[in-house]
Protein backbone atom coordinates (compact mmCIF):
# COMPACT_ATOMS: atom_id res chain seq x y z
CA MET A 1 12.93 8.71 -3.52
CA SER A 2 16.51 8.03 -2.40
CA TRP A 3 15.17 5.86 0.42
CA LEU A 4 14.05 3.41 -2.28
CA TRP A 5 17.58 2.87 -3.53
CA PRO A 6 19.74 2.64 -0.36
CA SER A 7 22.70 0.44 -1.20
CA LEU A 8 22.98 -0.10 -4.95
CA LYS A 9 25.74 2.33 -5.90
CA ASN A 10 28.38 2.88 -8.55
CA GLY A 11 26.52 0.94 -11.20
CA GLN A 12 25.99 -2.12 -9.02
CA LYS A 13 23.34 -4.39 -10.51
CA VAL A 14 20.23 -5.59 -8.74
CA PRO A 15 20.73 -9.32 -8.10
CA ARG A 16 18.37 -11.38 -10.23
CA ARG A 17 17.31 -13.67 -7.43
CA VAL A 18 18.27 -13.94 -3.79
CA HIS A 19 17.12 -16.93 -1.80
CA ASP A 20 18.14 -16.11 1.75
CA ASN A 21 14.78 -14.66 2.82
CA THR A 22 12.50 -16.26 0.25
CA CYS A 23 9.79 -18.53 1.61
CA THR A 24 10.63 -21.36 -0.77
CA ALA A 25 10.15 -23.95 1.97
CA SER A 26 6.74 -22.68 3.03
CA ARG A 27 5.23 -26.13 2.70
CA THR A 28 7.62 -27.62 5.26
CA PRO A 29 5.48 -28.59 8.30
CA LEU A 30 8.11 -27.34 10.74
CA LEU A 31 8.46 -23.89 9.18
CA PRO A 32 5.36 -22.23 10.73
CA PHE A 33 6.54 -23.35 14.19
CA LEU A 34 10.05 -22.03 13.60
CA ARG A 35 8.60 -18.73 12.39
CA ARG A 36 6.50 -18.36 15.53
CA VAL A 37 9.60 -18.91 17.70
CA ARG A 38 11.62 -16.41 15.68
CA HIS A 39 8.88 -13.81 15.46
CA SER A 40 8.19 -13.99 19.19
CA VAL A 41 11.67 -12.51 19.64
CA MET A 42 11.61 -10.03 16.72
CA PRO A 43 8.58 -8.70 14.81
CA CYS A 44 8.59 -9.96 11.25
CA ALA A 45 6.71 -8.81 8.18
CA TYR A 46 5.71 -10.85 5.15
CA TYR A 47 6.19 -9.38 1.67
CA ASN A 48 4.63 -11.04 -1.37
CA GLU A 49 6.01 -9.82 -4.71
CA ILE A 50 6.19 -11.89 -7.89
CA ASP A 51 8.59 -9.61 -9.81
CA PRO A 52 12.16 -10.85 -9.10
CA LYS A 53 13.72 -7.39 -9.43
CA ALA A 54 11.20 -5.78 -7.11
CA ALA A 55 11.71 -8.67 -4.67
CA ALA A 56 15.47 -8.11 -4.71
CA TRP A 57 14.80 -4.39 -4.14
CA LEU A 58 12.67 -5.29 -1.11
CA ARG A 59 15.51 -7.32 0.38
CA GLU A 60 17.91 -4.40 -0.01
CA LEU A 61 15.46 -2.09 1.75
CA ILE A 62 15.02 -4.61 4.57
CA ARG A 63 18.80 -4.88 5.00
CA ALA A 64 19.08 -1.10 5.05
CA GLY A 65 16.40 -0.87 7.75
CA VAL A 66 14.17 1.35 5.60
CA ILE A 67 11.14 -0.96 5.87
CA ALA A 68 10.05 -3.48 8.47
CA PRO A 69 12.28 -6.55 8.81
CA GLY A 70 10.73 -9.58 7.20
CA GLU A 71 10.69 -12.30 4.58
CA VAL A 72 10.10 -11.93 0.86
CA ASP A 73 8.01 -14.51 -0.99
CA GLU A 74 8.19 -14.47 -4.80
CA ARG A 75 5.37 -16.92 -5.41
CA SER A 76 2.15 -15.87 -7.06
CA ILE A 77 -0.53 -14.97 -4.55
CA VAL A 78 -2.70 -17.77 -5.94
CA ASP A 79 -0.13 -20.27 -4.62
CA ILE A 80 -0.09 -18.92 -1.07
CA ARG A 81 -1.94 -20.88 1.59
CA PRO A 82 -3.37 -19.25 4.73
CA ALA A 83 -1.10 -21.43 6.89
CA ASP A 84 1.95 -19.91 5.19
CA LEU A 85 1.17 -16.58 6.86
CA ALA A 86 1.16 -17.84 10.44
CA GLY A 87 3.37 -15.88 12.81
CA PHE A 88 3.82 -12.71 10.77
CA SER A 89 3.01 -9.39 12.45
CA GLN A 90 2.31 -7.64 9.12
CA CYS A 91 1.55 -8.92 5.63
CA HIS A 92 2.11 -6.83 2.50
CA PHE A 93 0.70 -8.23 -0.74
CA PHE A 94 1.60 -7.00 -4.22
CA ALA A 95 4.38 -5.39 -2.21
CA GLY A 96 6.24 -3.72 -5.07
CA VAL A 97 9.16 -1.85 -3.51
CA GLY A 98 7.72 -1.83 0.01
CA VAL A 99 6.10 1.59 0.09
CA TRP A 100 3.17 0.45 2.26
CA SER A 101 5.57 -0.67 4.99
CA TYR A 102 7.45 2.61 4.72
CA ALA A 103 4.16 4.54 4.89
CA LEU A 104 3.10 2.69 8.04
CA ARG A 105 6.32 3.77 9.68
CA LEU A 106 5.79 7.37 8.53
CA ALA A 107 2.37 7.30 10.19
CA GLY A 108 3.83 6.06 13.47
CA TRP A 109 2.60 2.48 13.09
CA PRO A 110 5.03 0.15 14.94
CA ASP A 111 6.50 -2.80 13.08
CA SER A 112 5.09 -5.06 15.80
CA ARG A 113 1.51 -3.86 15.29
CA PRO A 114 -0.52 -6.26 13.11
CA GLY A 115 -1.93 -5.08 9.81
CA TRP A 116 -2.29 -6.11 6.18
CA THR A 117 -1.79 -3.99 3.08
CA GLY A 118 -2.17 -4.53 -0.63
CA SER A 119 -2.46 -2.78 -3.96
CA CYS A 120 -4.07 -5.21 -6.39
CA PRO A 121 -2.94 -4.93 -10.03
CA CYS A 122 -4.62 -1.99 -11.70
CA GLN A 123 -4.23 -3.09 -15.34
CA PRO A 124 -7.65 -4.80 -15.58
CA TYR A 125 -9.37 -1.52 -14.65
CA SER A 126 -6.94 1.17 -15.81
CA GLU A 127 -8.00 3.44 -18.66
CA ALA A 128 -4.60 2.74 -20.21
CA GLY A 129 -5.22 -1.03 -20.25
CA LYS A 130 -7.47 -3.29 -22.30
CA GLY A 131 -10.33 -2.94 -19.82
CA LEU A 132 -10.92 -6.68 -19.40
CA GLY A 133 -11.98 -6.23 -15.78
CA PHE A 134 -12.85 -9.46 -14.02
CA ALA A 135 -11.95 -11.46 -17.14
CA ASP A 136 -8.31 -10.37 -16.85
CA GLU A 137 -5.97 -12.97 -15.35
CA ARG A 138 -4.52 -10.16 -13.21
CA HIS A 139 -7.83 -9.79 -11.37
CA LEU A 140 -6.36 -11.21 -8.17
CA TRP A 141 -8.75 -9.89 -5.55
CA PRO A 142 -10.39 -13.34 -5.08
CA ALA A 143 -7.02 -14.84 -4.14
CA TRP A 144 -6.25 -12.05 -1.68
CA PHE A 145 -9.75 -12.14 -0.23
CA HIS A 146 -9.42 -15.88 0.41
CA LEU A 147 -6.37 -15.19 2.58
CA ILE A 148 -8.16 -12.34 4.40
CA GLU A 149 -11.21 -14.51 5.01
CA GLN A 150 -9.13 -17.33 6.45
CA ARG A 151 -6.55 -15.37 8.48
CA GLU A 152 -8.91 -12.55 9.60
CA PRO A 153 -6.47 -9.64 10.04
CA CYS A 154 -7.76 -6.89 12.30
CA VAL A 155 -7.19 -4.17 9.69
CA VAL A 156 -6.56 -4.09 5.93
CA PHE A 157 -5.28 -1.06 4.01
CA GLY A 158 -5.66 -1.08 0.24
CA GLU A 159 -5.34 1.04 -2.88
CA GLN A 160 -6.54 0.93 -6.47
CA VAL A 161 -6.61 3.18 -9.50
CA ALA A 162 -9.48 5.69 -9.39
CA SER A 163 -10.96 4.94 -12.81
CA ALA A 164 -14.58 4.34 -13.78
CA GLY A 165 -13.78 0.68 -14.44
CA ALA A 166 -12.40 0.23 -10.94
CA ARG A 167 -15.72 1.18 -9.31
CA VAL A 168 -17.14 -2.28 -10.03
CA TRP A 169 -14.00 -3.78 -8.49
CA LEU A 170 -14.44 -1.60 -5.41
CA ASP A 171 -18.09 -2.71 -5.09
CA LEU A 172 -16.93 -6.32 -5.07
CA VAL A 173 -14.23 -5.64 -2.47
CA GLN A 174 -16.65 -3.80 -0.19
CA THR A 175 -19.34 -6.48 -0.55
CA ASP A 176 -16.91 -9.28 0.24
CA LEU A 177 -15.34 -7.57 3.25
CA GLU A 178 -18.61 -6.38 4.77
CA ALA A 179 -20.00 -9.90 4.42
CA CYS A 180 -17.11 -11.03 6.64
CA GLY A 181 -17.93 -8.40 9.25
CA TYR A 182 -15.46 -5.68 8.33
CA ALA A 183 -16.32 -2.00 8.46
CA PHE A 184 -15.26 -0.55 5.11
CA GLY A 185 -14.31 3.00 4.21
CA PRO A 186 -13.11 4.06 0.72
CA ILE A 187 -12.03 7.50 -0.44
CA VAL A 188 -10.48 8.96 -3.62
CA VAL A 189 -7.54 11.28 -2.92
CA PRO A 190 -4.97 12.55 -5.44
CA ALA A 191 -1.31 13.02 -4.68
CA ALA A 192 -1.94 16.71 -5.30
CA GLY A 193 -4.09 16.63 -2.18
CA ILE A 194 -0.93 16.61 -0.08
CA GLY A 195 0.96 19.11 -2.19
CA ALA A 196 2.46 16.90 -4.90
CA PRO A 197 2.94 18.62 -8.27
CA HIS A 198 0.95 15.91 -10.07
CA GLY A 199 -2.55 14.38 -9.85
CA ARG A 200 -2.24 10.60 -9.48
CA HIS A 201 -5.78 9.99 -8.28
CA ARG A 202 -6.13 6.77 -6.33
CA THR A 203 -8.89 5.04 -4.38
CA TRP A 204 -7.77 4.23 -0.84
CA PHE A 205 -9.68 1.99 1.52
CA VAL A 206 -9.54 0.68 5.07
CA ALA A 207 -11.30 -2.45 6.32
CA ASP A 208 -11.52 -2.67 10.11
CA ALA A 209 -12.44 -5.64 12.30
CA PRO A 210 -11.06 -5.12 15.82
CA ASP A 211 -12.62 -8.36 17.10
CA ARG A 212 -10.48 -10.54 14.86
CA GLY A 213 -10.74 -14.22 15.62
CA HIS A 214 -14.51 -14.24 16.27
CA ARG A 215 -15.85 -15.15 12.87
CA GLY A 216 -19.58 -15.34 12.57
CA GLN A 217 -20.13 -12.96 15.49
CA ARG A 218 -19.39 -9.74 13.66
CA GLU A 219 -22.10 -7.80 11.91
CA PRO A 220 -21.27 -5.73 8.82
CA VAL A 221 -21.02 -2.07 9.80
CA ARG A 222 -22.74 0.14 7.24
CA GLY A 223 -24.15 3.42 8.53
CA GLY A 224 -22.62 5.57 11.23
CA GLU A 225 -19.19 3.92 11.28
CA LEU A 226 -16.38 3.78 8.73
CA GLY A 227 -18.74 3.72 5.78
CA ASP A 228 -20.81 6.84 6.61
CA ALA A 229 -19.43 10.01 5.08
CA LYS A 230 -21.50 12.36 7.28
CA ARG A 231 -20.68 10.86 10.65
CA GLU A 232 -17.51 10.56 12.69
CA GLY A 233 -16.02 7.89 10.44
CA LEU A 234 -13.00 7.55 8.19
CA GLU A 235 -14.68 8.86 5.05
CA GLY A 236 -15.94 11.93 6.85
CA HIS A 237 -12.44 12.84 7.89
CA GLY A 238 -11.48 12.74 4.25
CA GLY A 239 -13.88 15.61 3.47
CA HIS A 240 -16.41 13.30 1.76
CA GLY A 241 -20.05 14.34 1.77
CA ASP A 242 -21.74 17.70 2.27
CA ASP A 243 -20.37 18.57 5.69
CA GLY A 244 -16.82 19.39 4.66
CA ASP A 245 -16.74 22.37 7.02
CA GLU A 246 -17.36 20.19 10.06
CA PRO A 247 -14.55 20.51 12.64
CA GLY A 248 -11.89 17.84 12.35
CA ARG A 249 -12.39 17.17 8.66
CA ILE A 250 -9.72 17.72 6.05
CA GLY A 251 -12.06 20.02 4.16
CA ALA A 252 -12.29 22.41 7.12
CA PRO A 253 -10.12 25.56 7.20
CA ALA A 254 -7.03 24.60 9.14
CA CYS A 255 -3.40 25.54 9.55
CA GLY A 256 -2.04 21.99 9.32
CA SER A 257 0.79 21.19 6.96
CA ILE A 258 -1.36 19.09 4.63
CA ALA A 259 -4.09 21.72 4.31
CA GLN A 260 -1.48 24.34 3.36
CA ALA A 261 0.83 22.17 1.26
CA GLY A 262 1.53 22.98 -2.36
CA PRO A 263 4.15 22.36 -5.05
CA THR A 264 6.33 25.12 -3.59
CA ASN A 265 5.96 24.66 0.17
CA GLY A 266 5.23 20.98 0.80
CA PHE A 267 7.23 17.77 0.64
CA TRP A 268 8.01 18.38 -3.06
CA ARG A 269 9.07 22.03 -2.67
CA GLU A 270 12.70 21.34 -3.69
CA CYS A 271 11.97 19.06 -6.66
CA ASP A 272 13.78 19.48 -9.97
CA TRP A 273 11.63 20.04 -13.06
CA LEU A 274 12.86 18.19 -16.14
CA PRO A 275 11.68 19.29 -19.61
CA CYS A 276 10.30 16.36 -21.62
CA THR A 277 9.87 15.78 -25.35
CA ASP A 278 6.10 16.36 -25.18
CA GLY A 279 6.68 19.94 -24.11
CA LYS A 280 5.78 19.34 -20.47
CA ALA A 281 8.06 19.57 -17.46
CA ARG A 282 7.93 16.84 -14.82
CA PRO A 283 9.20 16.88 -11.23
CA VAL A 284 11.86 14.51 -9.91
CA GLU A 285 13.79 14.24 -6.68
CA PRO A 286 16.59 16.83 -6.50
CA GLY A 287 19.83 15.56 -8.01
CA THR A 288 18.32 12.48 -9.67
CA PHE A 289 18.17 11.89 -13.40
CA PRO A 290 16.48 8.49 -13.81
CA LEU A 291 16.72 8.56 -17.61
CA ALA A 292 20.37 9.60 -17.75
CA HIS A 293 22.56 7.32 -19.83
CA GLY A 294 24.58 4.97 -17.62
CA ALA A 295 22.33 5.20 -14.55
CA ALA A 296 22.29 1.83 -12.80
CA GLU A 297 19.19 -0.21 -13.67
CA ARG A 298 17.44 2.94 -14.90
CA VAL A 299 14.53 1.08 -16.52
CA GLY A 300 14.01 -1.05 -13.42
CA ARG A 301 14.10 2.02 -11.22
CA LEU A 302 11.53 3.84 -13.33
CA ARG A 303 9.32 0.76 -13.32
CA GLY A 304 9.54 0.50 -9.54
CA TYR A 305 8.83 4.20 -9.03
CA GLY A 306 5.96 4.19 -11.53
CA ASN A 307 4.16 1.26 -9.92
CA ALA A 308 4.63 2.53 -6.38
CA ILE A 309 2.06 4.36 -4.30
CA VAL A 310 2.82 7.80 -2.86
CA ALA A 311 4.20 7.07 0.59
CA GLU A 312 3.26 10.42 2.12
CA LEU A 313 -0.34 10.06 0.96
CA ALA A 314 -0.61 6.46 2.18
CA ALA A 315 0.71 7.64 5.54
CA GLU A 316 -2.10 10.20 5.75
CA VAL A 317 -4.65 7.44 5.16
CA VAL A 318 -3.13 5.45 8.02
CA LYS A 319 -3.06 8.53 10.25
CA ALA A 320 -6.76 9.15 9.52
CA TYR A 321 -7.52 5.60 10.60
CA LEU A 322 -5.50 6.03 13.81
CA ALA A 323 -7.32 9.30 14.55
CA TRP A 324 -10.67 7.59 13.95
CA GLN A 325 -9.70 4.88 16.44
CA ARG A 326 -9.02 7.47 19.09
């Protein structure tokens, strides 16, 4: 994950707060106009992240050119107004350390192509949490959905923990988006599905509305499109359903890199295995020792890595959507 830590070397600290790209003046009437002028010359992404350290990390990645150029907003998503998002080519909510933007690039998605992404907090639904669900103050889907409903992005990519408690959350997300005319396709895929030496099961979803800007004229697409596992839709290409041997599906015998990937011949083939106190060995990037004494911001780095999605897997979700479009 060296791409996540491009320019903080020799013990350099992550700055606590940097204001140069932060949308602190988002309520200024002139700002949306100035953004449109600026973004007409250079594509610009919007990153929303409330954690100051993760936000500073995002700015470093933007400066290094690792993720799409853009602006970082540290406000809570509940304080964001739809008008604040005018002029941005892409919007990344709960941005963390920018892995969704990086994954879009891995999949061949240009920075100038519109799209929204988000990974809502998993704590309300995680088996490791208190299980408060919708009663948890971190249940922030309603705030994100309000922005989606008002701005009407043409496509939304999302991710959530694949726990039993998250199924109710997913039902709500699907119901809300389909009511707005989006075709919705969810699928559970573990990181091990692309050769990672760990499970990390996650629910991934895509919401598609190519006729953005025509509210009230779209009909929810249920069968035979994104949401039908046995037809030529997104779920089907994930091997969902009973027809996993159908040509073109991930479940079909193939010689592609993902179908053949494993802990010893895929992206993680050169990982180092570190023995841990619980008797298990865990893989890390070669040459990195995130718990080593003296490592710069080691706790912050572990926190950022732990909360991040798997970029290579997110890229496969985006590629599946692009293939479905074709």
